[in-house]
């Protein structure tokens, strides 16, 4: 189970504010398939919101403990029926969108600044 300090928790709350719930837990509770979906979403997003449809607060607290221990994740925030869960992304998962071109995997770092239409007209 991951522990977060106050500064980390504050930063994660700010990052989670515009997110929408990606996993919904119904009255059936925390089934193995729901745990698998939470795990898949944590691998790809590392910070997710979960909506719980049950009314019992003690049941939600038990779900939080189960998710934290079974998936090695940390609870960031619990407001009403919304849970915000965080687990750092594994090192073997590569992000293609931020590092460069999705098709080739190369970035424009070595090519210099882009030439614009106006730069050709000024010559």
PDB file of N, CA and C in Angstrom:
ATOM      1  N   UNK A   1       0.840  -1.176   0.000  1.00  0.00           N
ATOM      2  CA  UNK A   1       0.000   0.000   0.000  1.00  0.00           C
ATOM      3  C   UNK A   1       0.886   1.240   0.000  1.00  0.00           C
ATOM      4  N   UNK A   2       0.596   2.174  -0.840  1.00  0.00           N
ATOM      5  CA  UNK A   2       1.375   3.392  -0.998  1.00  0.00           C
ATOM      6  C   UNK A   2       0.893   4.433   0.017  1.00  0.00           C
ATOM      7  N   UNK A   3       1.829   5.148   0.618  1.00  0.00           N
ATOM      8  CA  UNK A   3       1.452   6.248   1.504  1.00  0.00           C
ATOM      9  C   UNK A   3       1.846   7.568   0.837  1.00  0.00           C
ATOM     10  N   UNK A   4       1.003   8.550   0.991  1.00  0.00           N
ATOM     11  CA  UNK A   4       1.221   9.867   0.384  1.00  0.00           C
ATOM     12  C   UNK A   4       1.334  10.911   1.488  1.00  0.00           C
ATOM     13  N   UNK A   5       2.231  11.874   1.282  1.00  0.00           N
ATOM     14  CA  UNK A   5       2.287  12.974   2.238  1.00  0.00           C
ATOM     15  C   UNK A   5       1.284  14.050   1.819  1.00  0.00           C
ATOM     16  N   UNK A   6       1.166  15.092   2.602  1.00  0.00           N
ATOM     17  CA  UNK A   6       0.135  16.113   2.369  1.00  0.00           C
ATOM     18  C   UNK A   6       0.347  16.854   1.048  1.00  0.00           C
ATOM     19  N   UNK A   7       1.598  17.145   0.705  1.00  0.00           N
ATOM     20  CA  UNK A   7       1.868  17.872  -0.540  1.00  0.00           C
ATOM     21  C   UNK A   7       1.534  17.025  -1.765  1.00  0.00           C
ATOM     22  N   UNK A   8       1.876  15.743  -1.721  1.00  0.00           N
ATOM     23  CA  UNK A   8       1.540  14.851  -2.831  1.00  0.00           C
ATOM     24  C   UNK A   8       0.030  14.716  -2.978  1.00  0.00           C
ATOM     25  N   UNK A   9      -0.654  14.563  -1.846  1.00  0.00           N
ATOM     26  CA  UNK A   9      -2.107  14.417  -1.872  1.00  0.00           C
ATOM     27  C   UNK A   9      -2.775  15.676  -2.450  1.00  0.00           C
ATOM     28  N   UNK A  10      -2.283  16.852  -2.087  1.00  0.00           N
ATOM     29  CA  UNK A  10      -2.830  18.114  -2.597  1.00  0.00           C
ATOM     30  C   UNK A  10      -2.638  18.216  -4.108  1.00  0.00           C
ATOM     31  N   UNK A  11      -1.448  17.842  -4.594  1.00  0.00           N
ATOM     32  CA  UNK A  11      -1.166  17.905  -6.025  1.00  0.00           C
ATOM     33  C   UNK A  11      -2.034  16.910  -6.789  1.00  0.00           C
ATOM     34  N   UNK A  12      -2.236  15.722  -6.237  1.00  0.00           N
ATOM     35  CA  UNK A  12      -3.067  14.716  -6.904  1.00  0.00           C
ATOM     36  C   UNK A  12      -4.542  15.116  -6.892  1.00  0.00           C
ATOM     37  N   UNK A  13      -4.997  15.755  -5.834  1.00  0.00           N
ATOM     38  CA  UNK A  13      -6.377  16.248  -5.798  1.00  0.00           C
ATOM     39  C   UNK A  13      -6.603  17.277  -6.897  1.00  0.00           C
ATOM     40  N   UNK A  14      -5.628  18.154  -7.094  1.00  0.00           N
ATOM     41  CA  UNK A  14      -5.746  19.166  -8.148  1.00  0.00           C
ATOM     42  C   UNK A  14      -5.770  18.517  -9.527  1.00  0.00           C
ATOM     43  N   UNK A  15      -4.942  17.484  -9.735  1.00  0.00           N
ATOM     44  CA  UNK A  15      -4.938  16.784 -11.027  1.00  0.00           C
ATOM     45  C   UNK A  15      -6.228  16.007 -11.251  1.00  0.00           C
ATOM     46  N   UNK A  16      -6.858  15.524 -10.175  1.00  0.00           N
ATOM     47  CA  UNK A  16      -8.053  14.699 -10.293  1.00  0.00           C
ATOM     48  C   UNK A  16      -9.329  15.509 -10.443  1.00  0.00           C
ATOM     49  N   UNK A  17      -9.276  16.783 -10.145  1.00  0.00           N
ATOM     50  CA  UNK A  17     -10.499  17.595 -10.159  1.00  0.00           C
ATOM     51  C   UNK A  17     -11.269  17.531 -11.479  1.00  0.00           C
ATOM     52  N   UNK A  18     -10.646  17.688 -12.648  1.00  0.00           N
ATOM     53  CA  UNK A  18     -11.441  17.662 -13.888  1.00  0.00           C
ATOM     54  C   UNK A  18     -11.785  16.264 -14.400  1.00  0.00           C
ATOM     55  N   UNK A  19     -11.309  15.222 -13.747  1.00  0.00           N
ATOM     56  CA  UNK A  19     -11.544  13.859 -14.230  1.00  0.00           C
ATOM     57  C   UNK A  19     -12.980  13.422 -13.994  1.00  0.00           C
ATOM     58  N   UNK A  20     -13.430  12.500 -14.823  1.00  0.00           N
ATOM     59  CA  UNK A  20     -14.736  11.857 -14.650  1.00  0.00           C
ATOM     60  C   UNK A  20     -14.505  10.429 -14.180  1.00  0.00           C
ATOM     61  N   UNK A  21     -15.468   9.830 -13.462  1.00  0.00           N
ATOM     62  CA  UNK A  21     -15.294   8.443 -13.013  1.00  0.00           C
ATOM     63  C   UNK A  21     -15.158   7.493 -14.197  1.00  0.00           C
ATOM     64  N   UNK A  22     -14.168   6.596 -14.129  1.00  0.00           N
ATOM     65  CA  UNK A  22     -13.945   5.634 -15.199  1.00  0.00           C
ATOM     66  C   UNK A  22     -14.429   4.246 -14.820  1.00  0.00           C
ATOM     67  N   UNK A  23     -14.626   3.999 -13.529  1.00  0.00           N
ATOM     68  CA  UNK A  23     -15.125   2.711 -13.054  1.00  0.00           C
ATOM     69  C   UNK A  23     -16.314   2.985 -12.147  1.00  0.00           C
ATOM     70  N   UNK A  24     -17.372   2.197 -12.340  1.00  0.00           N
ATOM     71  CA  UNK A  24     -18.560   2.311 -11.496  1.00  0.00           C
ATOM     72  C   UNK A  24     -18.740   0.997 -10.738  1.00  0.00           C
ATOM     73  N   UNK A  25     -18.920   1.073  -9.431  1.00  0.00           N
ATOM     74  CA  UNK A  25     -19.143  -0.116  -8.614  1.00  0.00           C
ATOM     75  C   UNK A  25     -20.607  -0.127  -8.209  1.00  0.00           C
ATOM     76  N   UNK A  26     -21.336  -1.146  -8.632  1.00  0.00           N
ATOM     77  CA  UNK A  26     -22.776  -1.214  -8.363  1.00  0.00           C
ATOM     78  C   UNK A  26     -23.038  -1.927  -7.046  1.00  0.00           C
ATOM     79  N   UNK A  27     -24.277  -2.329  -6.853  1.00  0.00           N
ATOM     80  CA  UNK A  27     -24.675  -3.004  -5.618  1.00  0.00           C
ATOM     81  C   UNK A  27     -24.041  -4.378  -5.484  1.00  0.00           C
ATOM     82  N   UNK A  28     -23.521  -4.962  -6.572  1.00  0.00           N
ATOM     83  CA  UNK A  28     -22.871  -6.269  -6.509  1.00  0.00           C
ATOM     84  C   UNK A  28     -21.562  -6.204  -5.748  1.00  0.00           C
ATOM     85  N   UNK A  29     -21.000  -5.034  -5.617  1.00  0.00           N
ATOM     86  CA  UNK A  29     -19.802  -4.855  -4.822  1.00  0.00           C
ATOM     87  C   UNK A  29     -18.524  -4.981  -5.623  1.00  0.00           C
ATOM     88  N   UNK A  30     -17.468  -5.252  -4.930  1.00  0.00           N
ATOM     89  CA  UNK A  30     -16.128  -5.305  -5.511  1.00  0.00           C
ATOM     90  C   UNK A  30     -15.844  -6.722  -5.996  1.00  0.00           C
ATOM     91  N   UNK A  31     -16.247  -7.028  -7.212  1.00  0.00           N
ATOM     92  CA  UNK A  31     -16.037  -8.349  -7.802  1.00  0.00           C
ATOM     93  C   UNK A  31     -14.650  -8.414  -8.440  1.00  0.00           C
ATOM     94  N   UNK A  32     -14.169  -9.606  -8.772  1.00  0.00           N
ATOM     95  CA  UNK A  32     -12.862  -9.721  -9.438  1.00  0.00           C
ATOM     96  C   UNK A  32     -12.796  -8.976 -10.768  1.00  0.00           C
ATOM     97  N   UNK A  33     -13.896  -8.929 -11.506  1.00  0.00           N
ATOM     98  CA  UNK A  33     -13.881  -8.208 -12.779  1.00  0.00           C
ATOM     99  C   UNK A  33     -13.778  -6.695 -12.557  1.00  0.00           C
ATOM    100  N   UNK A  34     -14.390  -6.187 -11.502  1.00  0.00           N
ATOM    101  CA  UNK A  34     -14.279  -4.762 -11.187  1.00  0.00           C
ATOM    102  C   UNK A  34     -12.846  -4.437 -10.755  1.00  0.00           C
ATOM    103  N   UNK A  35     -12.238  -5.310  -9.953  1.00  0.00           N
ATOM    104  CA  UNK A  35     -10.851  -5.115  -9.560  1.00  0.00           C
ATOM    105  C   UNK A  35      -9.930  -5.123 -10.781  1.00  0.00           C
ATOM    106  N   UNK A  36     -10.217  -5.991 -11.743  1.00  0.00           N
ATOM    107  CA  UNK A  36      -9.416  -6.036 -12.965  1.00  0.00           C
ATOM    108  C   UNK A  36      -9.546  -4.734 -13.747  1.00  0.00           C
ATOM    109  N   UNK A  37     -10.751  -4.190 -13.855  1.00  0.00           N
ATOM    110  CA  UNK A  37     -10.955  -2.921 -14.564  1.00  0.00           C
ATOM    111  C   UNK A  37     -10.239  -1.768 -13.864  1.00  0.00           C
ATOM    112  N   UNK A  38     -10.271  -1.764 -12.548  1.00  0.00           N
ATOM    113  CA  UNK A  38      -9.555  -0.730 -11.803  1.00  0.00           C
ATOM    114  C   UNK A  38      -8.058  -0.854 -12.064  1.00  0.00           C
ATOM    115  N   UNK A  39      -7.546  -2.091 -12.064  1.00  0.00           N
ATOM    116  CA  UNK A  39      -6.130  -2.321 -12.325  1.00  0.00           C
ATOM    117  C   UNK A  39      -5.728  -1.864 -13.722  1.00  0.00           C
ATOM    118  N   UNK A  40      -6.542  -2.174 -14.717  1.00  0.00           N
ATOM    119  CA  UNK A  40      -6.258  -1.776 -16.104  1.00  0.00           C
ATOM    120  C   UNK A  40      -6.232  -0.251 -16.221  1.00  0.00           C
ATOM    121  N   UNK A  41      -7.199   0.409 -15.612  1.00  0.00           N
ATOM    122  CA  UNK A  41      -7.261   1.871 -15.684  1.00  0.00           C
ATOM    123  C   UNK A  41      -6.119   2.527 -14.913  1.00  0.00           C
ATOM    124  N   UNK A  42      -5.706   1.947 -13.799  1.00  0.00           N
ATOM    125  CA  UNK A  42      -4.564   2.496 -13.068  1.00  0.00           C
ATOM    126  C   UNK A  42      -3.268   2.345 -13.861  1.00  0.00           C
ATOM    127  N   UNK A  43      -3.138   1.253 -14.612  1.00  0.00           N
ATOM    128  CA  UNK A  43      -1.946   1.066 -15.438  1.00  0.00           C
ATOM    129  C   UNK A  43      -1.859   2.116 -16.536  1.00  0.00           C
ATOM    130  N   UNK A  44      -2.999   2.487 -17.092  1.00  0.00           N
ATOM    131  CA  UNK A  44      -2.956   3.429 -18.204  1.00  0.00           C
ATOM    132  C   UNK A  44      -3.061   4.886 -17.763  1.00  0.00           C
ATOM    133  N   UNK A  45      -3.737   5.172 -16.664  1.00  0.00           N
ATOM    134  CA  UNK A  45      -3.955   6.574 -16.268  1.00  0.00           C
ATOM    135  C   UNK A  45      -3.234   6.981 -14.993  1.00  0.00           C
ATOM    136  N   UNK A  46      -2.954   6.052 -14.119  1.00  0.00           N
ATOM    137  CA  UNK A  46      -2.312   6.192 -12.810  1.00  0.00           C
ATOM    138  C   UNK A  46      -3.111   7.005 -11.790  1.00  0.00           C
ATOM    139  N   UNK A  47      -4.081   7.782 -12.191  1.00  0.00           N
ATOM    140  CA  UNK A  47      -4.950   8.522 -11.276  1.00  0.00           C
ATOM    141  C   UNK A  47      -6.368   8.428 -11.823  1.00  0.00           C
ATOM    142  N   UNK A  48      -7.267   7.806 -11.072  1.00  0.00           N
ATOM    143  CA  UNK A  48      -8.627   7.590 -11.573  1.00  0.00           C
ATOM    144  C   UNK A  48      -9.643   7.943 -10.498  1.00  0.00           C
ATOM    145  N   UNK A  49     -10.871   8.179 -10.981  1.00  0.00           N
ATOM    146  CA  UNK A  49     -12.017   8.358 -10.093  1.00  0.00           C
ATOM    147  C   UNK A  49     -12.908   7.129 -10.228  1.00  0.00           C
ATOM    148  N   UNK A  50     -13.479   6.721  -9.103  1.00  0.00           N
ATOM    149  CA  UNK A  50     -14.391   5.573  -9.055  1.00  0.00           C
ATOM    150  C   UNK A  50     -15.672   6.032  -8.394  1.00  0.00           C
ATOM    151  N   UNK A  51     -16.806   5.686  -8.991  1.00  0.00           N
ATOM    152  CA  UNK A  51     -18.108   5.997  -8.387  1.00  0.00           C
ATOM    153  C   UNK A  51     -18.677   4.713  -7.780  1.00  0.00           C
ATOM    154  N   UNK A  52     -19.113   4.800  -6.517  1.00  0.00           N
ATOM    155  CA  UNK A  52     -19.712   3.673  -5.809  1.00  0.00           C
ATOM    156  C   UNK A  52     -21.192   3.985  -5.638  1.00  0.00           C
ATOM    157  N   UNK A  53     -22.058   3.063  -6.071  1.00  0.00           N
ATOM    158  CA  UNK A  53     -23.499   3.312  -6.002  1.00  0.00           C
ATOM    159  C   UNK A  53     -24.134   2.862  -4.694  1.00  0.00           C
ATOM    160  N   UNK A  54     -23.402   2.183  -3.825  1.00  0.00           N
ATOM    161  CA  UNK A  54     -23.951   1.748  -2.545  1.00  0.00           C
ATOM    162  C   UNK A  54     -24.116   2.914  -1.584  1.00  0.00           C
ATOM    163  N   UNK A  55     -25.086   2.797  -0.678  1.00  0.00           N
ATOM    164  CA  UNK A  55     -25.364   3.882   0.265  1.00  0.00           C
ATOM    165  C   UNK A  55     -24.620   3.738   1.589  1.00  0.00           C
ATOM    166  N   UNK A  56     -24.109   2.551   1.889  1.00  0.00           N
ATOM    167  CA  UNK A  56     -23.486   2.301   3.189  1.00  0.00           C
ATOM    168  C   UNK A  56     -22.039   2.797   3.208  1.00  0.00           C
ATOM    169  N   UNK A  57     -21.739   3.714   4.101  1.00  0.00           N
ATOM    170  CA  UNK A  57     -20.389   4.290   4.194  1.00  0.00           C
ATOM    171  C   UNK A  57     -19.369   3.254   4.668  1.00  0.00           C
ATOM    172  N   UNK A  58     -19.763   2.372   5.554  1.00  0.00           N
ATOM    173  CA  UNK A  58     -18.840   1.337   6.044  1.00  0.00           C
ATOM    174  C   UNK A  58     -18.436   0.390   4.917  1.00  0.00           C
ATOM    175  N   UNK A  59     -19.372   0.081   4.029  1.00  0.00           N
ATOM    176  CA  UNK A  59     -19.069  -0.774   2.873  1.00  0.00           C
ATOM    177  C   UNK A  59     -18.082  -0.076   1.945  1.00  0.00           C
ATOM    178  N   UNK A  60     -18.264   1.227   1.738  1.00  0.00           N
ATOM    179  CA  UNK A  60     -17.327   1.976   0.899  1.00  0.00           C
ATOM    180  C   UNK A  60     -15.940   1.995   1.523  1.00  0.00           C
ATOM    181  N   UNK A  61     -15.858   2.136   2.847  1.00  0.00           N
ATOM    182  CA  UNK A  61     -14.563   2.122   3.526  1.00  0.00           C
ATOM    183  C   UNK A  61     -13.884   0.763   3.379  1.00  0.00           C
ATOM    184  N   UNK A  62     -14.670  -0.310   3.443  1.00  0.00           N
ATOM    185  CA  UNK A  62     -14.103  -1.649   3.238  1.00  0.00           C
ATOM    186  C   UNK A  62     -13.608  -1.814   1.801  1.00  0.00           C
ATOM    187  N   UNK A  63     -14.343  -1.242   0.830  1.00  0.00           N
ATOM    188  CA  UNK A  63     -13.916  -1.298  -0.568  1.00  0.00           C
ATOM    189  C   UNK A  63     -12.596  -0.557  -0.760  1.00  0.00           C
ATOM    190  N   UNK A  64     -12.454   0.583  -0.098  1.00  0.00           N
ATOM    191  CA  UNK A  64     -11.216   1.360  -0.193  1.00  0.00           C
ATOM    192  C   UNK A  64     -10.042   0.536   0.314  1.00  0.00           C
ATOM    193  N   UNK A  65     -10.224  -0.127   1.451  1.00  0.00           N
ATOM    194  CA  UNK A  65      -9.149  -0.955   2.003  1.00  0.00           C
ATOM    195  C   UNK A  65      -8.799  -2.107   1.067  1.00  0.00           C
ATOM    196  N   UNK A  66      -9.825  -2.756   0.488  1.00  0.00           N
ATOM    197  CA  UNK A  66      -9.575  -3.865  -0.437  1.00  0.00           C
ATOM    198  C   UNK A  66      -8.826  -3.399  -1.676  1.00  0.00           C
ATOM    199  N   UNK A  67      -9.248  -2.278  -2.249  1.00  0.00           N
ATOM    200  CA  UNK A  67      -8.591  -1.760  -3.453  1.00  0.00           C
ATOM    201  C   UNK A  67      -7.151  -1.387  -3.135  1.00  0.00           C
ATOM    202  N   UNK A  68      -6.935  -0.752  -2.014  1.00  0.00           N
ATOM    203  CA  UNK A  68      -5.585  -0.310  -1.644  1.00  0.00           C
ATOM    204  C   UNK A  68      -4.638  -1.482  -1.429  1.00  0.00           C
ATOM    205  N   UNK A  69      -5.098  -2.509  -0.759  1.00  0.00           N
ATOM    206  CA  UNK A  69      -4.213  -3.632  -0.457  1.00  0.00           C
ATOM    207  C   UNK A  69      -4.030  -4.558  -1.649  1.00  0.00           C
ATOM    208  N   UNK A  70      -5.104  -4.873  -2.365  1.00  0.00           N
ATOM    209  CA  UNK A  70      -5.009  -5.840  -3.470  1.00  0.00           C
ATOM    210  C   UNK A  70      -4.302  -5.260  -4.694  1.00  0.00           C
ATOM    211  N   UNK A  71      -4.440  -3.962  -4.939  1.00  0.00           N
ATOM    212  CA  UNK A  71      -3.868  -3.361  -6.134  1.00  0.00           C
ATOM    213  C   UNK A  71      -2.655  -2.494  -5.838  1.00  0.00           C
ATOM    214  N   UNK A  72      -2.223  -2.435  -4.577  1.00  0.00           N
ATOM    215  CA  UNK A  72      -1.078  -1.624  -4.166  1.00  0.00           C
ATOM    216  C   UNK A  72      -1.253  -0.181  -4.626  1.00  0.00           C
ATOM    217  N   UNK A  73      -2.381   0.412  -4.253  1.00  0.00           N
ATOM    218  CA  UNK A  73      -2.722   1.782  -4.640  1.00  0.00           C
ATOM    219  C   UNK A  73      -2.970   2.606  -3.382  1.00  0.00           C
ATOM    220  N   UNK A  74      -3.075   3.918  -3.582  1.00  0.00           N
ATOM    221  CA  UNK A  74      -3.300   4.826  -2.456  1.00  0.00           C
ATOM    222  C   UNK A  74      -4.591   5.605  -2.668  1.00  0.00           C
ATOM    223  N   UNK A  75      -5.326   5.795  -1.599  1.00  0.00           N
ATOM    224  CA  UNK A  75      -6.516   6.637  -1.645  1.00  0.00           C
ATOM    225  C   UNK A  75      -6.079   8.088  -1.562  1.00  0.00           C
ATOM    226  N   UNK A  76      -6.506   8.884  -2.523  1.00  0.00           N
ATOM    227  CA  UNK A  76      -6.190  10.308  -2.527  1.00  0.00           C
ATOM    228  C   UNK A  76      -7.312  11.079  -1.857  1.00  0.00           C
ATOM    229  N   UNK A  77      -8.558  10.726  -2.213  1.00  0.00           N
ATOM    230  CA  UNK A  77      -9.698  11.495  -1.718  1.00  0.00           C
ATOM    231  C   UNK A  77     -10.926  10.601  -1.716  1.00  0.00           C
ATOM    232  N   UNK A  78     -11.790  10.805  -0.723  1.00  0.00           N
ATOM    233  CA  UNK A  78     -13.066  10.099  -0.629  1.00  0.00           C
ATOM    234  C   UNK A  78     -14.120  11.129  -0.257  1.00  0.00           C
ATOM    235  N   UNK A  79     -14.898  11.544  -1.266  1.00  0.00           N
ATOM    236  CA  UNK A  79     -15.959  12.517  -1.028  1.00  0.00           C
ATOM    237  C   UNK A  79     -17.268  11.878  -1.460  1.00  0.00           C
ATOM    238  N   UNK A  80     -18.137  11.632  -0.501  1.00  0.00           N
ATOM    239  CA  UNK A  80     -19.423  11.021  -0.807  1.00  0.00           C
ATOM    240  C   UNK A  80     -19.240   9.654  -1.432  1.00  0.00           C
ATOM    241  N   UNK A  81     -19.741   9.497  -2.651  1.00  0.00           N
ATOM    242  CA  UNK A  81     -19.656   8.215  -3.344  1.00  0.00           C
ATOM    243  C   UNK A  81     -18.547   8.193  -4.392  1.00  0.00           C
ATOM    244  N   UNK A  82     -17.676   9.197  -4.382  1.00  0.00           N
ATOM    245  CA  UNK A  82     -16.569   9.282  -5.340  1.00  0.00           C
ATOM    246  C   UNK A  82     -15.256   8.992  -4.623  1.00  0.00           C
ATOM    247  N   UNK A  83     -14.486   8.061  -5.185  1.00  0.00           N
ATOM    248  CA  UNK A  83     -13.166   7.724  -4.671  1.00  0.00           C
ATOM    249  C   UNK A  83     -12.122   8.138  -5.699  1.00  0.00           C
ATOM    250  N   UNK A  84     -11.047   8.720  -5.257  1.00  0.00           N
ATOM    251  CA  UNK A  84      -9.923   9.041  -6.137  1.00  0.00           C
ATOM    252  C   UNK A  84      -8.761   8.156  -5.704  1.00  0.00           C
ATOM    253  N   UNK A  85      -8.286   7.335  -6.652  1.00  0.00           N
ATOM    254  CA  UNK A  85      -7.256   6.341  -6.371  1.00  0.00           C
ATOM    255  C   UNK A  85      -6.024   6.646  -7.217  1.00  0.00           C
ATOM    256  N   UNK A  86      -4.843   6.454  -6.636  1.00  0.00           N
ATOM    257  CA  UNK A  86      -3.583   6.719  -7.332  1.00  0.00           C
ATOM    258  C   UNK A  86      -2.636   5.534  -7.180  1.00  0.00           C
ATOM    259  N   UNK A  87      -1.996   5.177  -8.273  1.00  0.00           N
ATOM    260  CA  UNK A  87      -0.888   4.229  -8.260  1.00  0.00           C
ATOM    261  C   UNK A  87       0.089   4.662  -9.343  1.00  0.00           C
ATOM    262  N   UNK A  88       1.376   4.815  -9.023  1.00  0.00           N
ATOM    263  CA  UNK A  88       2.329   5.247 -10.040  1.00  0.00           C
ATOM    264  C   UNK A  88       2.367   4.270 -11.207  1.00  0.00           C
ATOM    265  N   UNK A  89       2.528   4.827 -12.403  1.00  0.00           N
ATOM    266  CA  UNK A  89       2.567   4.010 -13.613  1.00  0.00           C
ATOM    267  C   UNK A  89       3.836   3.163 -13.617  1.00  0.00           C
ATOM    268  N   UNK A  90       3.738   1.887 -14.009  1.00  0.00           N
ATOM    269  CA  UNK A  90       4.937   1.043 -14.072  1.00  0.00           C
ATOM    270  C   UNK A  90       5.938   1.566 -15.099  1.00  0.00           C
ATOM    271  N   UNK A  91       7.205   1.255 -14.888  1.00  0.00           N
ATOM    272  CA  UNK A  91       8.269   1.739 -15.763  1.00  0.00           C
ATOM    273  C   UNK A  91       8.205   1.141 -17.160  1.00  0.00           C
ATOM    274  N   UNK A  92       7.675  -0.088 -17.295  1.00  0.00           N
ATOM    275  CA  UNK A  92       7.680  -0.742 -18.603  1.00  0.00           C
ATOM    276  C   UNK A  92       6.618  -0.205 -19.559  1.00  0.00           C
ATOM    277  N   UNK A  93       5.682   0.610 -19.069  1.00  0.00           N
ATOM    278  CA  UNK A  93       4.655   1.202 -19.929  1.00  0.00           C
ATOM    279  C   UNK A  93       5.229   2.475 -20.544  1.00  0.00           C
ATOM    280  N   UNK A  94       5.277   2.543 -21.871  1.00  0.00           N
ATOM    281  CA  UNK A  94       5.844   3.692 -22.562  1.00  0.00           C
ATOM    282  C   UNK A  94       4.732   4.647 -22.962  1.00  0.00           C
ATOM    283  N   UNK A  95       5.020   5.940 -22.880  1.00  0.00           N
ATOM    284  CA  UNK A  95       4.089   6.963 -23.336  1.00  0.00           C
ATOM    285  C   UNK A  95       4.567   7.448 -24.692  1.00  0.00           C
ATOM    286  N   UNK A  96       3.796   7.177 -25.758  1.00  0.00           N
ATOM    287  CA  UNK A  96       4.224   7.591 -27.091  1.00  0.00           C
ATOM    288  C   UNK A  96       3.768   8.995 -27.414  1.00  0.00           C
ATOM    289  N   UNK A  97       2.699   9.457 -26.849  1.00  0.00           N
ATOM    290  CA  UNK A  97       2.157  10.756 -27.208  1.00  0.00           C
ATOM    291  C   UNK A  97       3.015  11.924 -26.776  1.00  0.00           C
ATOM    292  N   UNK A  98       3.720  11.831 -25.669  1.00  0.00           N
ATOM    293  CA  UNK A  98       4.480  12.955 -25.159  1.00  0.00           C
ATOM    294  C   UNK A  98       5.912  12.991 -25.685  1.00  0.00           C
ATOM    295  N   UNK A  99       6.453  11.842 -26.127  1.00  0.00           N
ATOM    296  CA  UNK A  99       7.861  11.814 -26.483  1.00  0.00           C
ATOM    297  C   UNK A  99       8.133  12.098 -27.944  1.00  0.00           C
ATOM    298  N   UNK A 100       7.170  11.969 -28.802  1.00  0.00           N
ATOM    299  CA  UNK A 100       7.440  12.236 -30.208  1.00  0.00           C
ATOM    300  C   UNK A 100       6.334  11.742 -31.107  1.00  0.00           C
ATOM    301  N   UNK A 101       6.705  11.410 -32.317  1.00  0.00           N
ATOM    302  CA  UNK A 101       5.760  10.957 -33.316  1.00  0.00           C
ATOM    303  C   UNK A 101       5.240   9.570 -32.944  1.00  0.00           C
ATOM    304  N   UNK A 102       3.939   9.341 -33.047  1.00  0.00           N
ATOM    305  CA  UNK A 102       3.358   8.058 -32.677  1.00  0.00           C
ATOM    306  C   UNK A 102       3.763   6.961 -33.656  1.00  0.00           C
ATOM    307  N   UNK A 103       3.916   7.284 -34.935  1.00  0.00           N
ATOM    308  CA  UNK A 103       4.236   6.256 -35.924  1.00  0.00           C
ATOM    309  C   UNK A 103       5.706   5.851 -35.863  1.00  0.00           C
ATOM    310  N   UNK A 104       6.601   6.812 -35.812  1.00  0.00           N
ATOM    311  CA  UNK A 104       8.024   6.503 -35.866  1.00  0.00           C
ATOM    312  C   UNK A 104       8.689   6.503 -34.508  1.00  0.00           C
ATOM    313  N   UNK A 105       8.110   7.183 -33.519  1.00  0.00           N
ATOM    314  CA  UNK A 105       8.702   7.268 -32.204  1.00  0.00           C
ATOM    315  C   UNK A 105       9.817   8.295 -32.115  1.00  0.00           C
ATOM    316  N   UNK A 106      10.081   9.034 -33.198  1.00  0.00           N
ATOM    317  CA  UNK A 106      11.145  10.036 -33.203  1.00  0.00           C
ATOM    318  C   UNK A 106      10.577  11.411 -32.872  1.00  0.00           C
ATOM    319  N   UNK A 107      11.382  12.222 -32.259  1.00  0.00           N
ATOM    320  CA  UNK A 107      10.950  13.585 -31.951  1.00  0.00           C
ATOM    321  C   UNK A 107      11.676  14.572 -32.856  1.00  0.00           C
ATOM    322  N   UNK A 108      11.267  15.842 -32.817  1.00  0.00           N
ATOM    323  CA  UNK A 108      11.842  16.873 -33.671  1.00  0.00           C
ATOM    324  C   UNK A 108      13.008  17.593 -32.995  1.00  0.00           C
ATOM    325  N   UNK A 109      13.566  17.044 -31.970  1.00  0.00           N
ATOM    326  CA  UNK A 109      14.591  17.746 -31.206  1.00  0.00           C
ATOM    327  C   UNK A 109      15.807  18.068 -32.078  1.00  0.00           C
ATOM    328  N   UNK A 110      16.235  17.168 -32.929  1.00  0.00           N
ATOM    329  CA  UNK A 110      17.456  17.356 -33.707  1.00  0.00           C
ATOM    330  C   UNK A 110      17.242  18.160 -34.987  1.00  0.00           C
ATOM    331  N   UNK A 111      16.023  18.432 -35.366  1.00  0.00           N
ATOM    332  CA  UNK A 111      15.751  19.079 -36.645  1.00  0.00           C
ATOM    333  C   UNK A 111      15.745  20.597 -36.569  1.00  0.00           C
ATOM    334  N   UNK A 112      15.718  21.181 -35.414  1.00  0.00           N
ATOM    335  CA  UNK A 112      15.680  22.631 -35.301  1.00  0.00           C
ATOM    336  C   UNK A 112      14.257  23.158 -35.371  1.00  0.00           C
ATOM    337  N   UNK A 113      14.099  24.487 -35.362  1.00  0.00           N
ATOM    338  CA  UNK A 113      12.760  25.072 -35.361  1.00  0.00           C
ATOM    339  C   UNK A 113      12.058  24.862 -36.708  1.00  0.00           C
ATOM    340  N   UNK A 114      10.764  24.840 -36.667  1.00  0.00           N
ATOM    341  CA  UNK A 114       9.972  24.687 -37.887  1.00  0.00           C
ATOM    342  C   UNK A 114      10.017  25.954 -38.716  1.00  0.00           C
ATOM    343  N   UNK A 115       9.996  25.784 -39.999  1.00  0.00           N
ATOM    344  CA  UNK A 115       9.950  26.922 -40.913  1.00  0.00           C
ATOM    345  C   UNK A 115       8.493  27.242 -41.203  1.00  0.00           C
ATOM    346  N   UNK A 116       8.136  28.474 -41.145  1.00  0.00           N
ATOM    347  CA  UNK A 116       6.769  28.891 -41.402  1.00  0.00           C
ATOM    348  C   UNK A 116       6.686  29.532 -42.786  1.00  0.00           C
ATOM    349  N   UNK A 117       5.478  29.770 -43.227  1.00  0.00           N
ATOM    350  CA  UNK A 117       5.275  30.392 -44.520  1.00  0.00           C
ATOM    351  C   UNK A 117       5.925  31.784 -44.558  1.00  0.00           C
ATOM    352  N   UNK A 118       5.792  32.513 -43.472  1.00  0.00           N
ATOM    353  CA  UNK A 118       6.355  33.864 -43.417  1.00  0.00           C
ATOM    354  C   UNK A 118       7.886  33.815 -43.465  1.00  0.00           C
ATOM    355  N   UNK A 119       8.505  32.834 -42.868  1.00  0.00           N
ATOM    356  CA  UNK A 119       9.969  32.772 -42.886  1.00  0.00           C
ATOM    357  C   UNK A 119      10.483  32.534 -44.310  1.00  0.00           C
ATOM    358  N   UNK A 120       9.741  31.815 -45.142  1.00  0.00           N
ATOM    359  CA  UNK A 120      10.142  31.641 -46.528  1.00  0.00           C
ATOM    360  C   UNK A 120       9.938  32.948 -47.327  1.00  0.00           C
ATOM    361  N   UNK A 121       8.911  33.702 -46.983  1.00  0.00           N
ATOM    362  CA  UNK A 121       8.640  34.959 -47.695  1.00  0.00           C
ATOM    363  C   UNK A 121       9.644  36.037 -47.345  1.00  0.00           C
ATOM    364  N   UNK A 122      10.225  35.988 -46.157  1.00  0.00           N
ATOM    365  CA  UNK A 122      11.153  37.025 -45.709  1.00  0.00           C
ATOM    366  C   UNK A 122      12.533  36.880 -46.337  1.00  0.00           C
ATOM    367  N   UNK A 123      12.841  35.736 -46.934  1.00  0.00           N
ATOM    368  CA  UNK A 123      14.177  35.519 -47.503  1.00  0.00           C
ATOM    369  C   UNK A 123      14.389  36.270 -48.773  1.00  0.00           C
TER     370      UNK A 123
END
